[in-house]
C-alpha atoms as a PDB file:
ATOM      1  CA  MET A   1     -20.398 -17.865   6.977  1.00  0.00           C
ATOM      2  CA  ASN A   2     -21.693 -14.315   6.586  1.00  0.00           C
ATOM      3  CA  LYS A   3     -19.816 -11.540   4.745  1.00  0.00           C
ATOM      4  CA  ALA A   4     -18.615  -9.852   7.934  1.00  0.00           C
ATOM      5  CA  ASP A   5     -17.016 -13.115   9.094  1.00  0.00           C
ATOM      6  CA  GLU A   6     -15.487 -13.665   5.639  1.00  0.00           C
ATOM      7  CA  LEU A   7     -14.060 -10.157   5.771  1.00  0.00           C
ATOM      8  CA  LYS A   8     -12.469 -10.733   9.197  1.00  0.00           C
ATOM      9  CA  GLN A   9     -11.027 -14.045   8.033  1.00  0.00           C
ATOM     10  CA  ILE A  10      -9.364 -12.716   4.867  1.00  0.00           C
ATOM     11  CA  GLN A  11      -8.136  -9.587   6.682  1.00  0.00           C
ATOM     12  CA  SER A  12      -6.533 -11.767   9.362  1.00  0.00           C
ATOM     13  CA  LYS A  13      -4.732 -13.834   6.730  1.00  0.00           C
ATOM     14  CA  ILE A  14      -3.309 -10.741   5.055  1.00  0.00           C
ATOM     15  CA  TYR A  15      -2.409  -9.118   8.393  1.00  0.00           C
ATOM     16  CA  ARG A  16      -0.512 -12.252   9.469  1.00  0.00           C
ATOM     17  CA  LEU A  17       1.406 -12.367   6.175  1.00  0.00           C
ATOM     18  CA  LEU A  18       2.483  -8.739   6.650  1.00  0.00           C
ATOM     19  CA  GLY A  19       3.485  -9.014  10.303  1.00  0.00           C
ATOM     20  CA  GLY A  20       0.246  -8.018  12.018  1.00  0.00           C
ATOM     21  CA  LYS A  21       1.389  -4.515  13.016  1.00  0.00           C
ATOM     22  CA  CYS A  22       1.616  -1.054  11.497  1.00  0.00           C
ATOM     23  CA  ARG A  23       5.069  -0.657   9.963  1.00  0.00           C
ATOM     24  CA  VAL A  24       5.270   2.942  11.189  1.00  0.00           C
ATOM     25  CA  THR A  25       4.565   2.615  14.921  1.00  0.00           C
ATOM     26  CA  GLY A  26       3.999  -1.073  15.562  1.00  0.00           C
ATOM     27  CA  CYS A  27       0.408  -0.641  16.683  1.00  0.00           C
ATOM     28  CA  ASP A  28      -1.583  -3.832  16.226  1.00  0.00           C
ATOM     29  CA  ARG A  29      -5.166  -2.656  15.909  1.00  0.00           C
ATOM     30  CA  LYS A  30      -7.417  -5.370  14.603  1.00  0.00           C
ATOM     31  CA  LYS A  31      -9.500  -2.775  12.788  1.00  0.00           C
ATOM     32  CA  GLY A  32      -8.136  -0.123  10.520  1.00  0.00           C
ATOM     33  CA  LEU A  33      -5.057  -1.857   9.147  1.00  0.00           C
ATOM     34  CA  THR A  34      -4.394  -1.579   5.413  1.00  0.00           C
ATOM     35  CA  ALA A  35      -2.122  -3.508   3.051  1.00  0.00           C
ATOM     36  CA  HIS A  36      -0.429  -0.579   1.314  1.00  0.00           C
ATOM     37  CA  HIS A  37       0.906  -1.155  -2.218  1.00  0.00           C
ATOM     38  CA  MET A  38       4.526   0.013  -2.245  1.00  0.00           C
ATOM     39  CA  LYS A  39       4.550  -0.304  -6.017  1.00  0.00           C
ATOM     40  CA  TYR A  40       1.711  -0.768  -8.465  1.00  0.00           C
ATOM     41  CA  ILE A  41       2.014  -3.054 -11.470  1.00  0.00           C
ATOM     42  CA  THR A  42       0.001  -3.390 -14.666  1.00  0.00           C
ATOM     43  CA  ASN A  43      -3.511  -4.759 -14.010  1.00  0.00           C
ATOM     44  CA  ASP A  44      -2.962  -4.605 -10.258  1.00  0.00           C
ATOM     45  CA  VAL A  45      -5.687  -5.292  -7.721  1.00  0.00           C
ATOM     46  CA  ILE A  46      -6.741  -1.795  -6.582  1.00  0.00           C
ATOM     47  CA  TYR A  47      -9.518  -1.095  -4.089  1.00  0.00           C
ATOM     48  CA  LYS A  48     -10.998   1.793  -6.088  1.00  0.00           C
ATOM     49  CA  ASN A  49     -11.966  -0.755  -8.769  1.00  0.00           C
ATOM     50  CA  TYR A  50     -14.309  -2.551  -6.331  1.00  0.00           C
ATOM     51  CA  LYS A  51     -17.294  -0.200  -6.190  1.00  0.00           C
ATOM     52  CA  PRO A  52     -19.662   0.332  -4.578  1.00  0.00           C
ATOM     53  CA  TYR A  53     -17.642   0.260  -1.359  1.00  0.00           C
ATOM     54  CA  ASN A  54     -19.391  -2.298   0.803  1.00  0.00           C
ATOM     55  CA  THR A  55     -18.577  -5.456   2.713  1.00  0.00           C
ATOM     56  CA  THR A  56     -19.233  -7.767  -0.239  1.00  0.00           C
ATOM     57  CA  ASN A  57     -16.864  -5.862  -2.514  1.00  0.00           C
ATOM     58  CA  LYS A  58     -14.243  -5.500   0.204  1.00  0.00           C
ATOM     59  CA  VAL A  59     -14.270  -9.287   0.595  1.00  0.00           C
ATOM     60  CA  ARG A  60     -13.859  -9.608  -3.195  1.00  0.00           C
ATOM     61  CA  TYR A  61     -10.998  -7.105  -3.173  1.00  0.00           C
ATOM     62  CA  LEU A  62      -9.121  -8.761  -0.313  1.00  0.00           C
ATOM     63  CA  THR A  63      -9.703 -12.237  -1.751  1.00  0.00           C
ATOM     64  CA  ASP A  64      -8.171 -11.062  -5.034  1.00  0.00           C
ATOM     65  CA  LEU A  65      -5.352  -9.258  -3.203  1.00  0.00           C
ATOM     66  CA  TYR A  66      -4.390 -12.157  -0.932  1.00  0.00           C
ATOM     67  CA  PRO A  67      -2.449 -14.224  -3.512  1.00  0.00           C
ATOM     68  CA  LEU A  68      -0.505 -11.121  -4.576  1.00  0.00           C
ATOM     69  CA  VAL A  69       0.504 -10.418  -0.985  1.00  0.00           C
ATOM     70  CA  LYS A  70       1.334 -14.073  -0.374  1.00  0.00           C
ATOM     71  CA  ASN A  71       3.518 -14.334  -3.480  1.00  0.00           C
ATOM     72  CA  ASN A  72       5.304 -11.004  -3.091  1.00  0.00           C
ATOM     73  CA  LYS A  73       5.126  -9.612   0.435  1.00  0.00           C
ATOM     74  CA  SER A  74       7.808  -7.009  -0.285  1.00  0.00           C
ATOM     75  CA  ARG A  75       5.338  -5.111  -2.528  1.00  0.00           C
ATOM     76  CA  PHE A  76       3.107  -4.390   0.479  1.00  0.00           C
ATOM     77  CA  LYS A  77       3.429  -2.850   3.930  1.00  0.00           C
ATOM     78  CA  LEU A  78       0.822  -3.057   6.659  1.00  0.00           C
ATOM     79  CA  LEU A  79      -0.203   0.385   7.914  1.00  0.00           C
ATOM     80  CA  CYS A  80      -2.853   1.598  10.329  1.00  0.00           C
ATOM     81  CA  SER A  81      -5.450   3.796   8.662  1.00  0.00           C
ATOM     82  CA  SER A  82      -4.062   7.084  10.007  1.00  0.00           C
ATOM     83  CA  HIS A  83      -0.521   6.342   8.794  1.00  0.00           C
ATOM     84  CA  HIS A  84      -1.829   5.052   5.464  1.00  0.00           C
ATOM     85  CA  GLN A  85      -3.718   8.320   4.958  1.00  0.00           C
ATOM     86  CA  ALA A  86      -0.640  10.327   5.965  1.00  0.00           C
ATOM     87  CA  LEU A  87       1.552   8.420   3.510  1.00  0.00           C
ATOM     88  CA  GLU A  88      -0.930   8.927   0.686  1.00  0.00           C
ATOM     89  CA  LYS A  89      -0.980  12.675   1.416  1.00  0.00           C
ATOM     90  CA  LEU A  90       2.826  12.842   1.542  1.00  0.00           C
ATOM     91  CA  ASN A  91       3.001  11.157  -1.866  1.00  0.00           C
ATOM     92  CA  ARG A  92       1.235  14.171  -3.383  1.00  0.00           C
ATOM     93  CA  TYR A  93       4.281  16.367  -2.775  1.00  0.00           C
ATOM     94  CA  SER A  94       7.455  16.517  -4.830  1.00  0.00           C
ATOM     95  CA  ASP A  95      10.674  15.565  -3.030  1.00  0.00           C
ATOM     96  CA  ARG A  96      11.709  19.222  -3.020  1.00  0.00           C
ATOM     97  CA  THR A  97       8.466  20.388  -1.397  1.00  0.00           C
ATOM     98  CA  LEU A  98       8.435  17.540   1.096  1.00  0.00           C
ATOM     99  CA  ASN A  99      12.029  18.245   2.139  1.00  0.00           C
ATOM    100  CA  SER A 100      11.198  21.928   2.559  1.00  0.00           C
ATOM    101  CA  LEU A 101       8.208  21.069   4.747  1.00  0.00           C
ATOM    102  CA  LEU A 102      10.335  18.729   6.863  1.00  0.00           C
ATOM    103  CA  ARG A 103      12.978  21.441   7.349  1.00  0.00           C
ATOM    104  CA  MET A 104      10.251  23.836   8.500  1.00  0.00           C
ATOM    105  CA  ARG A 105       8.856  21.230  10.881  1.00  0.00           C
ATOM    106  CA  ARG A 106      12.281  20.626  12.420  1.00  0.00           C
ATOM    107  CA  ALA A 107      12.764  24.394  12.817  1.00  0.00           C
ATOM    108  CA  MET A 108       9.442  24.674  14.632  1.00  0.00           C
ATOM    109  CA  ARG A 109      10.552  22.120  17.224  1.00  0.00           C
ATOM    110  CA  LYS A 110      13.656  24.076  18.275  1.00  0.00           C
END
């Protein structure tokens, strides 16, 4: 089995464990889904530690991540790439700033 096939196989296993759809909108794209860590723990499996970013290292990352997801699904949520990026950007703001931005957004819609 080549690396691309291995990657698809391990991704499918993780996607199935986490419901197979983006938790934000329910989209079920086969590409672009991400197992988002809701909480990091000491010595966690983190993608940025698997450089250079290539198919071989992504297979290694997901293979290492799979048992963590399997044993504690509540630590992870499946998100499409656009919602994962949005969530990561939102996490940069304090609660106060985020709430202020949301108030402004609501005001713009009136």
